[in-house]
N, C-alpha and C. Protein backbone atom coordinates (compact mmCIF):
# COMPACT_ATOMS: atom_id res chain seq x y z
N UNK A 1 189.69 120.10 266.80
CA UNK A 1 188.27 120.18 266.64
C UNK A 1 187.37 119.76 268.04
N UNK A 2 188.41 118.99 268.77
CA UNK A 2 187.61 117.87 269.84
C UNK A 2 187.20 118.78 271.06
N UNK A 3 187.19 120.05 271.09
CA UNK A 3 187.08 120.99 272.15
C UNK A 3 185.66 121.78 271.70
N UNK A 4 185.32 121.80 270.79
CA UNK A 4 184.22 122.56 270.00
C UNK A 4 182.98 121.33 269.73
N UNK A 5 181.66 121.78 270.20
CA UNK A 5 180.52 120.99 270.58
C UNK A 5 180.15 120.45 269.00
N UNK A 6 179.62 119.20 268.87
CA UNK A 6 178.77 118.91 267.38
C UNK A 6 178.24 119.98 266.29
N UNK A 7 177.38 120.84 267.26
CA UNK A 7 176.61 121.51 265.95
C UNK A 7 177.53 122.79 265.87
N UNK A 8 178.27 123.19 266.66
CA UNK A 8 179.29 124.05 265.76
C UNK A 8 180.41 123.46 264.70
N UNK A 9 180.96 122.57 264.89
CA UNK A 9 180.84 122.00 264.08
C UNK A 9 180.49 121.61 262.98
N UNK A 10 179.29 121.19 262.99
CA UNK A 10 178.83 120.77 261.65
C UNK A 10 178.61 122.65 261.19
N UNK A 11 178.45 123.76 261.79
CA UNK A 11 178.32 124.63 261.33
C UNK A 11 179.67 125.43 260.16
N UNK A 12 180.71 124.67 261.18
CA UNK A 12 182.31 125.35 260.37
C UNK A 12 182.44 124.50 259.52
N UNK A 13 181.92 122.83 259.24
CA UNK A 13 181.96 122.23 257.97
C UNK A 13 180.92 123.00 256.93
N UNK A 14 180.09 123.16 257.81
CA UNK A 14 178.91 123.67 256.44
C UNK A 14 179.60 125.04 255.38
N UNK A 15 179.88 125.75 256.49
CA UNK A 15 180.65 127.00 255.81
C UNK A 15 181.47 126.93 255.45
N UNK A 16 182.90 126.15 255.34
CA UNK A 16 183.97 125.55 254.85
C UNK A 16 183.21 124.60 253.23
N UNK A 17 182.82 123.89 253.20
CA UNK A 17 181.78 123.39 251.64
C UNK A 17 181.33 124.57 251.35
N UNK A 18 180.69 125.57 251.62
CA UNK A 18 179.95 126.41 251.02
C UNK A 18 181.09 127.55 250.38
N UNK A 19 181.89 127.80 251.05
CA UNK A 19 183.36 128.17 250.21
C UNK A 19 184.00 127.79 249.76
N UNK A 20 184.14 126.34 249.70
CA UNK A 20 184.64 125.56 248.35
C UNK A 20 183.65 125.42 247.59
N UNK A 21 182.81 125.14 247.29
CA UNK A 21 181.22 125.19 246.02
C UNK A 21 181.38 127.15 245.49
N UNK A 22 181.96 127.92 246.34
CA UNK A 22 182.06 129.23 245.58
C UNK A 22 182.95 129.43 245.46
N UNK A 23 184.44 129.22 245.67
CA UNK A 23 185.30 128.92 244.99
C UNK A 23 185.36 128.38 243.91
N UNK A 24 185.06 127.20 243.82
CA UNK A 24 185.21 126.10 242.43
C UNK A 24 183.85 127.30 241.37
N UNK A 25 183.05 128.04 242.27
CA UNK A 25 182.36 128.29 240.73
C UNK A 25 183.13 129.61 240.54
N UNK A 26 184.12 129.65 240.77
CA UNK A 26 184.50 131.18 240.42
C UNK A 26 185.84 130.76 239.55
N UNK A 27 186.05 130.10 239.73
CA UNK A 27 187.76 129.42 238.91
C UNK A 27 187.06 128.22 237.65
N UNK A 28 186.21 128.60 236.67
CA UNK A 28 185.92 128.32 235.07
C UNK A 28 187.12 127.94 234.88
N UNK A 29 188.09 128.57 235.09
CA UNK A 29 189.46 127.87 233.84
C UNK A 29 189.94 126.85 234.73
N UNK A 30 189.82 126.08 236.12
CA UNK A 30 190.04 124.60 236.39
C UNK A 30 189.08 124.09 235.82
N UNK A 31 189.52 123.23 235.39
CA UNK A 31 188.53 121.77 234.95
C UNK A 31 188.46 120.57 235.87
N UNK A 32 187.99 119.99 235.24
CA UNK A 32 187.12 118.92 235.97
C UNK A 32 188.34 117.94 236.62
N UNK A 33 188.74 117.97 234.78
CA UNK A 33 190.16 117.15 235.19
C UNK A 33 191.30 117.02 235.75
N UNK A 34 191.52 118.65 235.32
CA UNK A 34 192.40 118.80 236.37
C UNK A 34 192.55 118.81 237.95
N UNK A 35 191.31 118.79 238.47
CA UNK A 35 191.36 118.35 239.66
C UNK A 35 191.46 116.79 240.02
N UNK A 36 190.91 116.52 239.20
CA UNK A 36 190.83 114.75 239.68
C UNK A 36 191.90 114.44 238.87
N UNK A 37 192.73 114.66 238.47
CA UNK A 37 194.02 114.94 238.11
C UNK A 37 195.60 115.48 239.79
N UNK A 38 194.87 115.95 240.05
CA UNK A 38 195.40 116.58 241.10
C UNK A 38 195.34 116.45 242.24
N UNK A 39 193.71 116.69 243.04
CA UNK A 39 193.54 116.40 244.00
C UNK A 39 192.90 114.47 244.11
N UNK A 40 192.53 114.26 243.21
CA UNK A 40 191.01 112.83 243.08
C UNK A 40 189.58 113.19 242.95
N UNK A 41 189.60 114.71 242.89
CA UNK A 41 188.14 114.42 243.12
C UNK A 41 187.13 115.68 242.43
N UNK A 42 186.28 115.89 242.14
CA UNK A 42 186.38 117.07 241.11
C UNK A 42 184.87 117.78 241.64
N UNK A 43 184.17 119.17 240.64
CA UNK A 43 182.93 119.09 240.87
C UNK A 43 181.87 118.43 241.09
N UNK A 44 182.06 116.96 240.07
CA UNK A 44 180.94 116.27 239.89
C UNK A 44 180.83 114.86 241.15
N UNK A 45 182.02 114.98 241.69
CA UNK A 45 182.66 113.92 243.17
C UNK A 45 181.57 115.21 244.20
N UNK A 46 182.23 115.96 244.15
CA UNK A 46 181.41 116.95 245.18
C UNK A 46 180.36 116.95 245.12
N UNK A 47 179.34 117.00 244.35
CA UNK A 47 177.81 116.79 243.92
C UNK A 47 177.41 115.94 244.05
N UNK A 48 178.47 114.57 243.95
CA UNK A 48 177.56 113.35 244.21
C UNK A 48 177.84 112.95 245.88
N UNK A 49 178.62 113.52 246.10
CA UNK A 49 178.75 113.27 247.86
C UNK A 49 177.60 114.08 248.72
N UNK A 50 177.40 115.54 247.86
CA UNK A 50 176.00 115.88 248.90
C UNK A 50 174.63 115.12 248.43
N UNK A 51 174.94 115.10 247.22
CA UNK A 51 173.60 113.57 247.33
C UNK A 51 173.43 112.65 247.86
N UNK A 52 174.75 111.64 247.86
CA UNK A 52 174.71 110.87 249.17
C UNK A 52 174.69 111.14 250.38
N UNK A 53 174.43 112.21 250.75
CA UNK A 53 174.78 112.30 251.98
C UNK A 53 172.94 112.73 252.16
N UNK A 54 172.35 113.66 251.35
CA UNK A 54 170.81 113.97 251.36
C UNK A 54 170.37 112.11 251.31
N UNK A 55 170.77 111.37 250.45
CA UNK A 55 170.18 110.25 250.52
C UNK A 55 170.02 109.74 252.05
N UNK A 56 171.51 110.00 252.72
CA UNK A 56 171.24 108.40 253.99
C UNK A 56 170.25 109.52 255.30
N UNK A 57 170.07 110.92 254.68
CA UNK A 57 169.13 111.44 255.94
C UNK A 57 167.79 111.04 255.32
N UNK A 58 167.58 110.98 253.97
CA UNK A 58 166.03 110.99 254.11
C UNK A 58 165.94 111.77 253.17
N UNK A 59 166.39 112.69 252.46
CA UNK A 59 166.35 114.19 252.12
C UNK A 59 166.40 114.08 250.85
N UNK A 60 164.95 114.51 250.13
CA UNK A 60 165.00 114.82 248.60
C UNK A 60 165.93 115.60 247.69
N UNK A 61 166.53 114.66 247.23
CA UNK A 61 167.67 115.97 246.20
C UNK A 61 168.17 114.59 244.89
N UNK A 62 168.29 115.96 244.59
CA UNK A 62 167.70 115.00 242.24
C UNK A 62 169.36 114.93 242.38
N UNK A 63 169.93 114.33 241.45
CA UNK A 63 171.23 114.57 241.25
C UNK A 63 171.20 116.07 240.43
N UNK A 64 170.75 116.22 239.37
CA UNK A 64 170.57 117.79 238.49
C UNK A 64 170.58 118.96 239.91
N UNK A 65 169.67 118.36 240.81
CA UNK A 65 169.74 119.88 242.00
C UNK A 65 171.01 119.72 242.87
N UNK A 66 171.79 118.47 242.99
CA UNK A 66 172.91 118.66 243.80
C UNK A 66 173.93 119.74 243.10
N UNK A 67 174.01 118.68 241.71
CA UNK A 67 174.82 119.40 240.98
C UNK A 67 174.74 120.95 240.16
N UNK A 68 173.11 121.30 240.11
CA UNK A 68 173.08 122.99 240.33
C UNK A 68 173.49 123.57 241.56
N UNK A 69 173.95 123.05 242.83
CA UNK A 69 174.28 123.55 243.44
C UNK A 69 175.77 123.79 243.63
N UNK A 70 176.34 122.72 243.49
CA UNK A 70 177.88 123.17 243.23
C UNK A 70 178.09 123.73 242.47
N UNK A 71 177.46 123.51 241.21
CA UNK A 71 177.62 123.93 239.96
C UNK A 71 177.81 126.17 240.32
N UNK A 72 176.68 126.14 240.60
CA UNK A 72 175.97 127.91 240.29
C UNK A 72 175.10 127.38 239.91
N UNK A 73 174.90 126.51 238.74
CA UNK A 73 173.74 126.62 237.25
C UNK A 73 173.79 125.25 236.79
N UNK A 74 172.73 125.15 236.20
CA UNK A 74 173.04 124.09 235.97
C UNK A 74 174.23 123.09 234.99
N UNK A 75 174.01 121.81 235.14
CA UNK A 75 175.37 121.23 234.90
C UNK A 75 175.40 121.27 233.36
N UNK A 76 174.60 121.63 232.55
CA UNK A 76 174.26 121.25 231.30
C UNK A 76 174.94 122.98 230.65
N UNK A 77 174.34 123.60 231.33
CA UNK A 77 174.65 125.17 231.25
C UNK A 77 175.91 125.82 231.48
N UNK A 78 177.12 124.87 232.05
CA UNK A 78 178.09 124.85 233.08
C UNK A 78 179.12 124.46 231.96
N UNK A 79 178.77 122.90 231.64
CA UNK A 79 179.45 122.37 230.79
C UNK A 79 179.66 123.38 229.03
N UNK A 80 178.45 123.80 228.86
CA UNK A 80 178.89 124.92 227.69
C UNK A 80 179.24 126.18 228.09
N UNK A 81 179.35 126.38 228.89
CA UNK A 81 179.85 128.07 229.08
C UNK A 81 181.67 127.67 229.28
N UNK A 82 181.96 127.13 230.18
CA UNK A 82 183.01 126.32 230.80
C UNK A 82 183.95 125.04 230.35
N UNK A 83 183.23 124.49 230.03
CA UNK A 83 184.12 123.25 230.06
C UNK A 83 184.75 122.90 228.33
N UNK A 84 186.41 122.47 228.34
CA UNK A 84 186.82 122.50 227.61
C UNK A 84 187.05 121.42 226.92
N UNK A 85 187.27 120.41 225.95
CA UNK A 85 187.33 119.42 225.54
C UNK A 85 189.35 118.99 226.15
N UNK A 86 189.20 117.91 226.86
CA UNK A 86 190.63 117.18 227.65
C UNK A 86 191.37 117.29 226.45
N UNK A 87 192.91 117.73 227.14
CA UNK A 87 194.00 117.42 226.29
C UNK A 87 194.67 116.29 226.27
N UNK A 88 195.19 115.51 225.83
CA UNK A 88 195.85 113.69 225.38
C UNK A 88 197.03 113.82 226.50
N UNK A 89 197.40 115.06 227.26
CA UNK A 89 198.11 114.79 228.16
C UNK A 89 197.44 114.89 229.75
N UNK A 90 196.08 115.38 229.90
CA UNK A 90 195.20 115.88 230.80
C UNK A 90 194.53 113.68 231.13
N UNK A 91 194.40 113.75 229.76
CA UNK A 91 193.53 112.38 230.05
C UNK A 91 194.59 111.35 229.71
N UNK A 92 196.13 111.15 229.71
CA UNK A 92 196.94 110.29 230.19
C UNK A 92 197.35 110.44 231.52
N UNK A 93 197.43 111.71 232.36
CA UNK A 93 197.61 111.39 233.70
C UNK A 93 196.43 110.47 234.21
N UNK A 94 194.75 111.03 233.38
CA UNK A 94 193.99 110.78 234.35
C UNK A 94 193.61 108.97 234.43
N UNK A 95 194.14 108.49 232.86
CA UNK A 95 194.32 107.12 232.89
C UNK A 95 195.40 106.89 234.12
N UNK A 96 196.49 107.17 234.42
CA UNK A 96 197.13 106.76 234.99
C UNK A 96 197.02 107.13 236.62
N UNK A 97 196.52 108.05 237.07
CA UNK A 97 195.90 108.31 238.11
C UNK A 97 194.59 107.38 238.62
N UNK A 98 193.93 107.90 238.11
CA UNK A 98 192.70 107.08 237.87
C UNK A 98 191.68 108.11 239.81
N UNK A 99 190.41 107.94 239.56
CA UNK A 99 189.40 108.75 241.20
C UNK A 99 190.73 107.81 242.10
N UNK A 100 190.94 108.99 243.45
CA UNK A 100 191.06 108.15 244.24
C UNK A 100 189.87 108.12 245.24
N UNK A 101 188.54 107.94 244.83
CA UNK A 101 187.50 107.58 246.25
C UNK A 101 186.99 106.50 245.40
């Protein structure tokens, strides 16, 4: 992407972020612990990175707002609708690998 100007690169990256967030919203069967165990990040990480980027630019964005943006609804609502109790094997895998960021 070295031949692409900075503005276009930013637009492409933003489009990829939006598509990732939308994909994660539709894949409610994939739990955050699964994402952490396989990829080293989850929806919460993504929302934290969004908030950190906003903070770095001086843009007011609360933790709740960033989570709602990534989840497509308030975080507590998503948890009530879609989050299930982590299985022992998932917890063991998480303890073994831990977050990679």
